Amino acid sequence: MNRDDLLQALAARTEEVASGFAGLDEQTFHRGTAEQWSPAYHLDHLTRSNTVLAMALSMPRDRFGWGRRPAGTPGQSEEALRTEYQRRLREQGLRASGRFLPDPRGTQAEQVEAYRQSHALLAHHLLAYTDEAELDTATLPHPALGELSLRELLFFTHYHNDHHLRGAHAALETP
């Protein structure tokens, strides 16, 4: 996927996630705990994750832990990243921490709008990357998966948003 394809896929996923959370009634949206996340917690976590990546994309490449991967180094597919992330969740019991820990504030509508804005910010900063090769050579650390190229981080972001939408809905179905 090139940058424009990634932007389109992320925009479509964002609308799917926003609609999925906006479609819940207010009580259901807030039902949960810090241990058993409510949909509000899931959405706030996604907003925080998207915002951190957007801020990283806005910074000069000599800051924020930027690395370089040699040109021509093959990257992982979205499927491979998804499989590895699921394996680490299962085997290592990964949990959000630090700035990724949710602390939802505001109404449901405000949180859905904040999520949409986090995507808009991410898309805005991604537009600055006009060199497709840079998506594969510039790297950033991911808290669970280690050093990933920008393209891999965007693949992960696409999956991660779906993962939390499905997780929130699955938790609501569990008595």
N, C-alpha and C. Protein backbone atom coordinates (compact mmCIF):
# COMPACT_ATOMS: atom_id res chain seq x y z
N MET A 1 0.83 -1.18 0.00
CA MET A 1 0.00 0.00 0.00
C MET A 1 0.88 1.24 0.00
N ASN A 2 0.57 2.18 -0.88
CA ASN A 2 1.31 3.44 -0.85
C ASN A 2 0.67 4.39 0.17
N ARG A 3 1.27 5.55 0.33
CA ARG A 3 0.81 6.49 1.35
C ARG A 3 -0.65 6.86 1.18
N ASP A 4 -1.05 7.14 -0.06
CA ASP A 4 -2.43 7.54 -0.29
C ASP A 4 -3.41 6.41 0.00
N ASP A 5 -3.02 5.18 -0.34
CA ASP A 5 -3.85 4.02 0.00
C ASP A 5 -3.98 3.87 1.52
N LEU A 6 -2.86 4.08 2.23
CA LEU A 6 -2.89 4.01 3.69
C LEU A 6 -3.80 5.09 4.28
N LEU A 7 -3.72 6.29 3.74
CA LEU A 7 -4.58 7.37 4.21
C LEU A 7 -6.06 7.01 4.02
N GLN A 8 -6.38 6.45 2.86
CA GLN A 8 -7.77 6.07 2.60
C GLN A 8 -8.22 4.94 3.52
N ALA A 9 -7.36 3.95 3.71
CA ALA A 9 -7.71 2.82 4.59
C ALA A 9 -7.89 3.29 6.02
N LEU A 10 -7.00 4.18 6.48
CA LEU A 10 -7.12 4.70 7.84
C LEU A 10 -8.38 5.56 7.99
N ALA A 11 -8.71 6.35 6.99
CA ALA A 11 -9.93 7.18 7.06
C ALA A 11 -11.17 6.30 7.12
N ALA A 12 -11.20 5.25 6.33
CA ALA A 12 -12.36 4.35 6.34
C ALA A 12 -12.46 3.64 7.69
N ARG A 13 -11.34 3.18 8.21
CA ARG A 13 -11.34 2.51 9.51
C ARG A 13 -11.77 3.48 10.61
N THR A 14 -11.31 4.73 10.53
CA THR A 14 -11.68 5.73 11.52
C THR A 14 -13.19 5.93 11.55
N GLU A 15 -13.80 6.02 10.40
CA GLU A 15 -15.25 6.20 10.36
C GLU A 15 -15.98 4.96 10.89
N GLU A 16 -15.46 3.79 10.58
CA GLU A 16 -16.04 2.55 11.10
C GLU A 16 -15.98 2.54 12.63
N VAL A 17 -14.82 2.89 13.17
CA VAL A 17 -14.64 2.89 14.62
C VAL A 17 -15.49 3.98 15.26
N ALA A 18 -15.46 5.19 14.72
CA ALA A 18 -16.25 6.29 15.28
C ALA A 18 -17.73 5.94 15.28
N SER A 19 -18.22 5.40 14.20
CA SER A 19 -19.63 5.01 14.12
C SER A 19 -19.94 3.89 15.09
N GLY A 20 -19.03 2.94 15.23
CA GLY A 20 -19.23 1.82 16.14
C GLY A 20 -19.34 2.26 17.59
N PHE A 21 -18.56 3.26 17.98
CA PHE A 21 -18.63 3.77 19.34
C PHE A 21 -19.77 4.78 19.51
N ALA A 22 -20.01 5.60 18.50
CA ALA A 22 -21.08 6.59 18.58
C ALA A 22 -22.45 5.91 18.62
N GLY A 23 -22.55 4.72 18.04
CA GLY A 23 -23.82 4.02 17.97
C GLY A 23 -24.25 3.37 19.28
N LEU A 24 -23.39 3.36 20.26
CA LEU A 24 -23.75 2.79 21.56
C LEU A 24 -24.54 3.81 22.37
N ASP A 25 -25.42 3.32 23.25
CA ASP A 25 -26.08 4.27 24.14
C ASP A 25 -25.06 4.72 25.20
N GLU A 26 -25.32 5.89 25.77
CA GLU A 26 -24.37 6.53 26.69
C GLU A 26 -24.00 5.62 27.87
N GLN A 27 -24.97 4.94 28.44
CA GLN A 27 -24.70 4.07 29.59
C GLN A 27 -23.78 2.91 29.19
N THR A 28 -24.05 2.30 28.06
CA THR A 28 -23.22 1.19 27.58
C THR A 28 -21.82 1.68 27.26
N PHE A 29 -21.72 2.87 26.68
CA PHE A 29 -20.42 3.45 26.32
C PHE A 29 -19.51 3.58 27.53
N HIS A 30 -20.10 3.87 28.69
CA HIS A 30 -19.30 4.09 29.90
C HIS A 30 -19.25 2.86 30.81
N ARG A 31 -19.89 1.76 30.44
CA ARG A 31 -19.92 0.57 31.30
C ARG A 31 -18.58 -0.16 31.23
N GLY A 32 -17.92 -0.25 32.37
CA GLY A 32 -16.64 -0.95 32.45
C GLY A 32 -15.81 -0.39 33.58
N THR A 33 -14.59 -0.90 33.69
CA THR A 33 -13.66 -0.48 34.74
C THR A 33 -12.28 -0.32 34.13
N ALA A 34 -11.34 0.11 34.95
CA ALA A 34 -9.95 0.23 34.48
C ALA A 34 -9.38 -1.15 34.13
N GLU A 35 -9.91 -2.20 34.76
CA GLU A 35 -9.43 -3.56 34.46
C GLU A 35 -10.20 -4.16 33.28
N GLN A 36 -11.49 -3.94 33.23
CA GLN A 36 -12.34 -4.43 32.13
C GLN A 36 -12.84 -3.19 31.39
N TRP A 37 -12.05 -2.76 30.43
CA TRP A 37 -12.27 -1.48 29.78
C TRP A 37 -13.67 -1.33 29.21
N SER A 38 -14.24 -0.15 29.46
CA SER A 38 -15.49 0.23 28.81
C SER A 38 -15.17 0.66 27.38
N PRO A 39 -16.19 0.77 26.53
CA PRO A 39 -15.93 1.34 25.20
C PRO A 39 -15.26 2.71 25.29
N ALA A 40 -15.61 3.51 26.31
CA ALA A 40 -14.97 4.82 26.47
C ALA A 40 -13.46 4.67 26.67
N TYR A 41 -13.06 3.68 27.44
CA TYR A 41 -11.63 3.43 27.66
C TYR A 41 -10.94 3.02 26.36
N HIS A 42 -11.58 2.10 25.63
CA HIS A 42 -11.00 1.68 24.35
C HIS A 42 -10.82 2.87 23.41
N LEU A 43 -11.86 3.71 23.32
CA LEU A 43 -11.79 4.84 22.40
C LEU A 43 -10.73 5.85 22.83
N ASP A 44 -10.63 6.11 24.13
CA ASP A 44 -9.61 7.04 24.61
C ASP A 44 -8.20 6.49 24.35
N HIS A 45 -8.03 5.19 24.53
CA HIS A 45 -6.73 4.57 24.23
C HIS A 45 -6.37 4.77 22.75
N LEU A 46 -7.33 4.58 21.87
CA LEU A 46 -7.07 4.78 20.44
C LEU A 46 -6.76 6.24 20.13
N THR A 47 -7.48 7.14 20.76
CA THR A 47 -7.22 8.57 20.56
C THR A 47 -5.80 8.90 20.98
N ARG A 48 -5.39 8.39 22.13
CA ARG A 48 -4.03 8.64 22.63
C ARG A 48 -2.99 8.03 21.68
N SER A 49 -3.23 6.80 21.24
CA SER A 49 -2.27 6.13 20.34
C SER A 49 -2.13 6.88 19.03
N ASN A 50 -3.26 7.27 18.43
CA ASN A 50 -3.21 8.01 17.17
C ASN A 50 -2.49 9.34 17.35
N THR A 51 -2.75 10.02 18.47
CA THR A 51 -2.15 11.33 18.71
C THR A 51 -0.64 11.23 18.90
N VAL A 52 -0.19 10.21 19.62
CA VAL A 52 1.25 10.03 19.81
C VAL A 52 1.94 9.81 18.46
N LEU A 53 1.35 8.97 17.62
CA LEU A 53 1.95 8.74 16.30
C LEU A 53 1.92 10.02 15.47
N ALA A 54 0.83 10.76 15.52
CA ALA A 54 0.75 12.02 14.77
C ALA A 54 1.84 12.99 15.23
N MET A 55 2.04 13.08 16.53
CA MET A 55 3.07 13.99 17.06
C MET A 55 4.47 13.53 16.62
N ALA A 56 4.69 12.23 16.62
CA ALA A 56 5.98 11.71 16.17
C ALA A 56 6.22 12.08 14.71
N LEU A 57 5.19 11.96 13.89
CA LEU A 57 5.33 12.28 12.46
C LEU A 57 5.59 13.77 12.25
N SER A 58 5.21 14.59 13.21
CA SER A 58 5.39 16.04 13.06
C SER A 58 6.78 16.51 13.48
N MET A 59 7.53 15.64 14.15
CA MET A 59 8.82 16.05 14.71
C MET A 59 9.97 15.84 13.71
N PRO A 60 11.02 16.62 13.88
CA PRO A 60 12.21 16.39 13.05
C PRO A 60 12.74 14.97 13.23
N ARG A 61 13.31 14.44 12.19
CA ARG A 61 13.74 13.04 12.20
C ARG A 61 14.88 12.76 13.18
N ASP A 62 15.53 13.79 13.69
CA ASP A 62 16.62 13.55 14.64
C ASP A 62 16.12 13.57 16.08
N ARG A 63 14.79 13.55 16.26
CA ARG A 63 14.19 13.53 17.60
C ARG A 63 13.23 12.37 17.72
N PHE A 64 12.72 12.17 18.93
CA PHE A 64 11.66 11.21 19.22
C PHE A 64 12.05 9.77 18.89
N GLY A 65 13.31 9.44 18.97
CA GLY A 65 13.71 8.06 18.79
C GLY A 65 13.73 7.56 17.36
N TRP A 66 13.81 8.47 16.41
CA TRP A 66 13.83 8.07 15.00
C TRP A 66 15.03 7.18 14.72
N GLY A 67 14.80 6.16 13.95
CA GLY A 67 15.87 5.30 13.47
C GLY A 67 15.82 5.22 11.96
N ARG A 68 16.76 4.47 11.40
CA ARG A 68 16.80 4.29 9.94
C ARG A 68 16.96 2.81 9.65
N ARG A 69 16.28 2.35 8.68
CA ARG A 69 16.40 0.99 8.18
C ARG A 69 17.01 1.10 6.79
N PRO A 70 17.95 0.23 6.47
CA PRO A 70 18.55 0.32 5.14
C PRO A 70 17.50 0.20 4.04
N ALA A 71 17.67 1.01 2.99
CA ALA A 71 16.75 0.95 1.85
C ALA A 71 16.73 -0.48 1.30
N GLY A 72 15.57 -0.92 0.90
CA GLY A 72 15.43 -2.26 0.33
C GLY A 72 15.19 -3.34 1.37
N THR A 73 15.25 -3.00 2.65
CA THR A 73 14.98 -3.98 3.69
C THR A 73 13.48 -4.28 3.67
N PRO A 74 13.13 -5.54 3.51
CA PRO A 74 11.69 -5.85 3.44
C PRO A 74 10.99 -5.58 4.76
N GLY A 75 9.82 -4.98 4.68
CA GLY A 75 9.01 -4.72 5.87
C GLY A 75 8.00 -5.83 6.08
N GLN A 76 7.35 -5.78 7.23
CA GLN A 76 6.32 -6.77 7.54
C GLN A 76 4.98 -6.32 6.97
N SER A 77 4.16 -7.28 6.64
CA SER A 77 2.81 -6.99 6.16
C SER A 77 1.91 -6.70 7.35
N GLU A 78 0.75 -6.15 7.08
CA GLU A 78 -0.22 -5.91 8.16
C GLU A 78 -0.60 -7.24 8.81
N GLU A 79 -0.75 -8.27 8.02
CA GLU A 79 -1.10 -9.59 8.57
C GLU A 79 -0.01 -10.10 9.50
N ALA A 80 1.25 -9.96 9.11
CA ALA A 80 2.35 -10.43 9.96
C ALA A 80 2.41 -9.63 11.27
N LEU A 81 2.20 -8.33 11.20
CA LEU A 81 2.20 -7.49 12.40
C LEU A 81 1.04 -7.88 13.32
N ARG A 82 -0.12 -8.10 12.72
CA ARG A 82 -1.30 -8.50 13.49
C ARG A 82 -1.04 -9.82 14.21
N THR A 83 -0.49 -10.78 13.50
CA THR A 83 -0.20 -12.09 14.08
C THR A 83 0.80 -11.97 15.22
N GLU A 84 1.85 -11.19 15.04
CA GLU A 84 2.86 -11.02 16.09
C GLU A 84 2.27 -10.29 17.29
N TYR A 85 1.47 -9.27 17.07
CA TYR A 85 0.86 -8.53 18.15
C TYR A 85 -0.08 -9.45 18.95
N GLN A 86 -0.89 -10.22 18.27
CA GLN A 86 -1.79 -11.15 18.95
C GLN A 86 -1.01 -12.19 19.74
N ARG A 87 0.10 -12.67 19.19
CA ARG A 87 0.93 -13.63 19.90
C ARG A 87 1.48 -13.02 21.18
N ARG A 88 1.97 -11.81 21.09
CA ARG A 88 2.54 -11.15 22.27
C ARG A 88 1.45 -10.84 23.31
N LEU A 89 0.27 -10.48 22.86
CA LEU A 89 -0.83 -10.27 23.81
C LEU A 89 -1.12 -11.57 24.56
N ARG A 90 -1.19 -12.64 23.83
CA ARG A 90 -1.49 -13.96 24.40
C ARG A 90 -0.39 -14.44 25.33
N GLU A 91 0.84 -14.41 24.86
CA GLU A 91 1.96 -15.01 25.59
C GLU A 91 2.55 -14.09 26.66
N GLN A 92 2.54 -12.80 26.42
CA GLN A 92 3.18 -11.88 27.35
C GLN A 92 2.18 -11.05 28.16
N GLY A 93 0.90 -11.19 27.84
CA GLY A 93 -0.11 -10.43 28.57
C GLY A 93 0.11 -8.93 28.49
N LEU A 94 0.47 -8.45 27.33
CA LEU A 94 0.74 -7.01 27.16
C LEU A 94 -0.44 -6.18 27.63
N ARG A 95 -0.13 -5.05 28.25
CA ARG A 95 -1.14 -4.11 28.73
C ARG A 95 -0.67 -2.70 28.37
N ALA A 96 -1.62 -1.83 28.13
CA ALA A 96 -1.28 -0.43 27.88
C ALA A 96 -0.64 0.15 29.14
N SER A 97 0.27 1.08 28.93
CA SER A 97 0.92 1.73 30.07
C SER A 97 1.27 3.17 29.70
N GLY A 98 1.69 3.90 30.72
CA GLY A 98 2.16 5.27 30.50
C GLY A 98 1.15 6.13 29.78
N ARG A 99 1.61 6.85 28.79
CA ARG A 99 0.74 7.81 28.09
C ARG A 99 -0.35 7.14 27.27
N PHE A 100 -0.31 5.81 27.15
CA PHE A 100 -1.34 5.09 26.40
C PHE A 100 -2.48 4.60 27.29
N LEU A 101 -2.34 4.77 28.62
CA LEU A 101 -3.40 4.37 29.54
C LEU A 101 -4.58 5.32 29.39
N PRO A 102 -5.76 4.78 29.18
CA PRO A 102 -6.92 5.64 28.98
C PRO A 102 -7.39 6.31 30.27
N ASP A 103 -7.91 7.51 30.10
CA ASP A 103 -8.53 8.27 31.17
C ASP A 103 -9.63 9.09 30.51
N PRO A 104 -10.71 8.40 30.08
CA PRO A 104 -11.73 9.09 29.28
C PRO A 104 -12.39 10.24 30.03
N ARG A 105 -12.55 11.33 29.32
CA ARG A 105 -13.18 12.54 29.86
C ARG A 105 -14.19 13.05 28.84
N GLY A 106 -15.22 13.70 29.34
CA GLY A 106 -16.19 14.32 28.46
C GLY A 106 -17.32 13.37 28.08
N THR A 107 -18.20 13.91 27.28
CA THR A 107 -19.35 13.12 26.84
C THR A 107 -18.92 12.13 25.76
N GLN A 108 -19.81 11.24 25.47
CA GLN A 108 -19.56 10.27 24.40
C GLN A 108 -19.30 11.00 23.08
N ALA A 109 -20.13 11.97 22.76
CA ALA A 109 -19.97 12.73 21.51
C ALA A 109 -18.62 13.45 21.47
N GLU A 110 -18.21 14.01 22.60
CA GLU A 110 -16.90 14.70 22.67
C GLU A 110 -15.76 13.71 22.47
N GLN A 111 -15.88 12.53 23.04
CA GLN A 111 -14.82 11.53 22.89
C GLN A 111 -14.74 11.01 21.46
N VAL A 112 -15.89 10.81 20.84
CA VAL A 112 -15.89 10.36 19.44
C VAL A 112 -15.26 11.44 18.56
N GLU A 113 -15.58 12.70 18.83
CA GLU A 113 -15.00 13.81 18.06
C GLU A 113 -13.49 13.90 18.30
N ALA A 114 -13.05 13.71 19.53
CA ALA A 114 -11.61 13.73 19.83
C ALA A 114 -10.90 12.61 19.07
N TYR A 115 -11.54 11.45 18.98
CA TYR A 115 -10.96 10.34 18.22
C TYR A 115 -10.84 10.72 16.74
N ARG A 116 -11.90 11.28 16.20
CA ARG A 116 -11.85 11.70 14.78
C ARG A 116 -10.75 12.74 14.57
N GLN A 117 -10.60 13.66 15.51
CA GLN A 117 -9.57 14.68 15.39
C GLN A 117 -8.17 14.07 15.48
N SER A 118 -8.00 13.01 16.28
CA SER A 118 -6.69 12.36 16.35
C SER A 118 -6.33 11.75 15.00
N HIS A 119 -7.32 11.22 14.32
CA HIS A 119 -7.06 10.70 12.97
C HIS A 119 -6.74 11.84 12.01
N ALA A 120 -7.49 12.93 12.10
CA ALA A 120 -7.25 14.08 11.21
C ALA A 120 -5.83 14.60 11.39
N LEU A 121 -5.37 14.66 12.63
CA LEU A 121 -4.01 15.11 12.92
C LEU A 121 -2.98 14.13 12.34
N LEU A 122 -3.23 12.86 12.51
CA LEU A 122 -2.35 11.83 11.94
C LEU A 122 -2.29 11.96 10.42
N ALA A 123 -3.44 12.07 9.78
CA ALA A 123 -3.49 12.19 8.33
C ALA A 123 -2.77 13.46 7.87
N HIS A 124 -2.98 14.56 8.58
CA HIS A 124 -2.32 15.83 8.24
C HIS A 124 -0.80 15.67 8.23
N HIS A 125 -0.25 15.06 9.28
CA HIS A 125 1.20 14.93 9.36
C HIS A 125 1.73 13.88 8.40
N LEU A 126 0.94 12.89 8.10
CA LEU A 126 1.36 11.87 7.13
C LEU A 126 1.47 12.45 5.72
N LEU A 127 0.67 13.45 5.42
CA LEU A 127 0.73 14.08 4.10
C LEU A 127 2.10 14.70 3.81
N ALA A 128 2.86 15.01 4.84
CA ALA A 128 4.20 15.59 4.65
C ALA A 128 5.19 14.55 4.10
N TYR A 129 4.83 13.29 4.18
CA TYR A 129 5.72 12.22 3.71
C TYR A 129 5.41 11.93 2.25
N THR A 130 6.10 12.64 1.38
CA THR A 130 5.86 12.48 -0.05
C THR A 130 6.81 11.46 -0.67
N ASP A 131 7.85 11.10 0.04
CA ASP A 131 8.82 10.12 -0.44
C ASP A 131 8.40 8.75 0.08
N GLU A 132 7.87 7.92 -0.80
CA GLU A 132 7.39 6.58 -0.40
C GLU A 132 8.49 5.77 0.28
N ALA A 133 9.72 5.92 -0.18
CA ALA A 133 10.82 5.15 0.39
C ALA A 133 11.01 5.48 1.87
N GLU A 134 10.74 6.73 2.25
CA GLU A 134 10.92 7.12 3.64
C GLU A 134 9.96 6.36 4.57
N LEU A 135 8.80 5.98 4.07
CA LEU A 135 7.87 5.20 4.88
C LEU A 135 8.48 3.84 5.26
N ASP A 136 9.41 3.37 4.46
CA ASP A 136 10.04 2.09 4.74
C ASP A 136 11.40 2.20 5.43
N THR A 137 12.03 3.37 5.35
CA THR A 137 13.37 3.50 5.94
C THR A 137 13.35 4.21 7.30
N ALA A 138 12.43 5.14 7.50
CA ALA A 138 12.32 5.82 8.79
C ALA A 138 11.63 4.88 9.77
N THR A 139 12.19 4.76 10.97
CA THR A 139 11.62 3.85 11.97
C THR A 139 11.39 4.57 13.30
N LEU A 140 10.46 4.03 14.03
CA LEU A 140 10.14 4.51 15.38
C LEU A 140 9.91 3.30 16.28
N PRO A 141 10.16 3.45 17.56
CA PRO A 141 9.91 2.34 18.47
C PRO A 141 8.42 2.19 18.78
N HIS A 142 7.95 0.97 18.75
CA HIS A 142 6.58 0.65 19.16
C HIS A 142 6.69 -0.01 20.54
N PRO A 143 5.85 0.35 21.49
CA PRO A 143 6.00 -0.18 22.85
C PRO A 143 5.91 -1.70 22.96
N ALA A 144 5.20 -2.35 22.06
CA ALA A 144 5.04 -3.81 22.15
C ALA A 144 5.79 -4.57 21.06
N LEU A 145 6.02 -3.92 19.92
CA LEU A 145 6.58 -4.63 18.77
C LEU A 145 8.00 -4.22 18.41
N GLY A 146 8.56 -3.28 19.15
CA GLY A 146 9.93 -2.86 18.86
C GLY A 146 9.99 -1.87 17.71
N GLU A 147 11.14 -1.81 17.08
CA GLU A 147 11.40 -0.84 16.01
C GLU A 147 10.60 -1.22 14.76
N LEU A 148 9.76 -0.28 14.29
CA LEU A 148 8.95 -0.51 13.10
C LEU A 148 9.13 0.65 12.13
N SER A 149 9.02 0.35 10.85
CA SER A 149 9.04 1.42 9.85
C SER A 149 7.72 2.20 9.97
N LEU A 150 7.70 3.39 9.38
CA LEU A 150 6.47 4.17 9.41
C LEU A 150 5.33 3.42 8.72
N ARG A 151 5.62 2.76 7.62
CA ARG A 151 4.58 1.98 6.93
C ARG A 151 4.05 0.88 7.86
N GLU A 152 4.95 0.19 8.56
CA GLU A 152 4.53 -0.85 9.49
C GLU A 152 3.70 -0.26 10.63
N LEU A 153 4.08 0.92 11.13
CA LEU A 153 3.31 1.58 12.18
C LEU A 153 1.91 1.94 11.68
N LEU A 154 1.82 2.35 10.44
CA LEU A 154 0.51 2.68 9.88
C LEU A 154 -0.32 1.42 9.67
N PHE A 155 0.31 0.33 9.22
CA PHE A 155 -0.40 -0.96 9.14
C PHE A 155 -0.91 -1.34 10.53
N PHE A 156 -0.04 -1.21 11.53
CA PHE A 156 -0.44 -1.56 12.89
C PHE A 156 -1.59 -0.68 13.35
N THR A 157 -1.51 0.62 13.09
CA THR A 157 -2.56 1.55 13.50
C THR A 157 -3.89 1.15 12.88
N HIS A 158 -3.86 0.78 11.62
CA HIS A 158 -5.07 0.33 10.94
C HIS A 158 -5.66 -0.88 11.67
N TYR A 159 -4.82 -1.84 11.98
CA TYR A 159 -5.29 -3.03 12.69
C TYR A 159 -5.70 -2.69 14.13
N HIS A 160 -4.90 -1.93 14.83
CA HIS A 160 -5.11 -1.62 16.24
C HIS A 160 -6.48 -0.97 16.46
N ASN A 161 -6.88 -0.09 15.57
CA ASN A 161 -8.19 0.54 15.69
C ASN A 161 -9.31 -0.49 15.59
N ASP A 162 -9.19 -1.41 14.67
CA ASP A 162 -10.18 -2.48 14.53
C ASP A 162 -10.16 -3.41 15.75
N HIS A 163 -8.96 -3.73 16.23
CA HIS A 163 -8.79 -4.61 17.38
C HIS A 163 -9.57 -4.08 18.59
N HIS A 164 -9.48 -2.78 18.83
CA HIS A 164 -10.16 -2.21 19.99
C HIS A 164 -11.66 -2.05 19.77
N LEU A 165 -12.09 -1.78 18.56
CA LEU A 165 -13.53 -1.74 18.28
C LEU A 165 -14.13 -3.12 18.54
N ARG A 166 -13.49 -4.15 18.00
CA ARG A 166 -13.98 -5.52 18.21
C ARG A 166 -13.90 -5.93 19.68
N GLY A 167 -12.81 -5.55 20.33
CA GLY A 167 -12.65 -5.88 21.75
C GLY A 167 -13.72 -5.25 22.61
N ALA A 168 -14.05 -4.01 22.33
CA ALA A 168 -15.09 -3.33 23.10
C ALA A 168 -16.44 -3.99 22.90
N HIS A 169 -16.75 -4.32 21.66
CA HIS A 169 -18.04 -4.96 21.38
C HIS A 169 -18.09 -6.38 21.93
N ALA A 170 -16.99 -7.11 21.88
CA ALA A 170 -16.96 -8.46 22.46
C ALA A 170 -17.16 -8.41 23.96
N ALA A 171 -16.56 -7.44 24.62
CA ALA A 171 -16.70 -7.31 26.07
C ALA A 171 -18.15 -7.00 26.45
N LEU A 172 -18.84 -6.26 25.62
CA LEU A 172 -20.24 -5.93 25.89
C LEU A 172 -21.14 -7.17 25.78
N GLU A 173 -20.71 -8.11 24.95
CA GLU A 173 -21.51 -9.33 24.75
C GLU A 173 -21.26 -10.36 25.85
N THR A 174 -20.16 -10.20 26.59
CA THR A 174 -19.81 -11.14 27.66
C THR A 174 -20.54 -10.73 28.93
N PRO A 175 -21.31 -11.67 29.53
CA PRO A 175 -22.03 -11.32 30.76
C PRO A 175 -21.10 -11.05 31.93
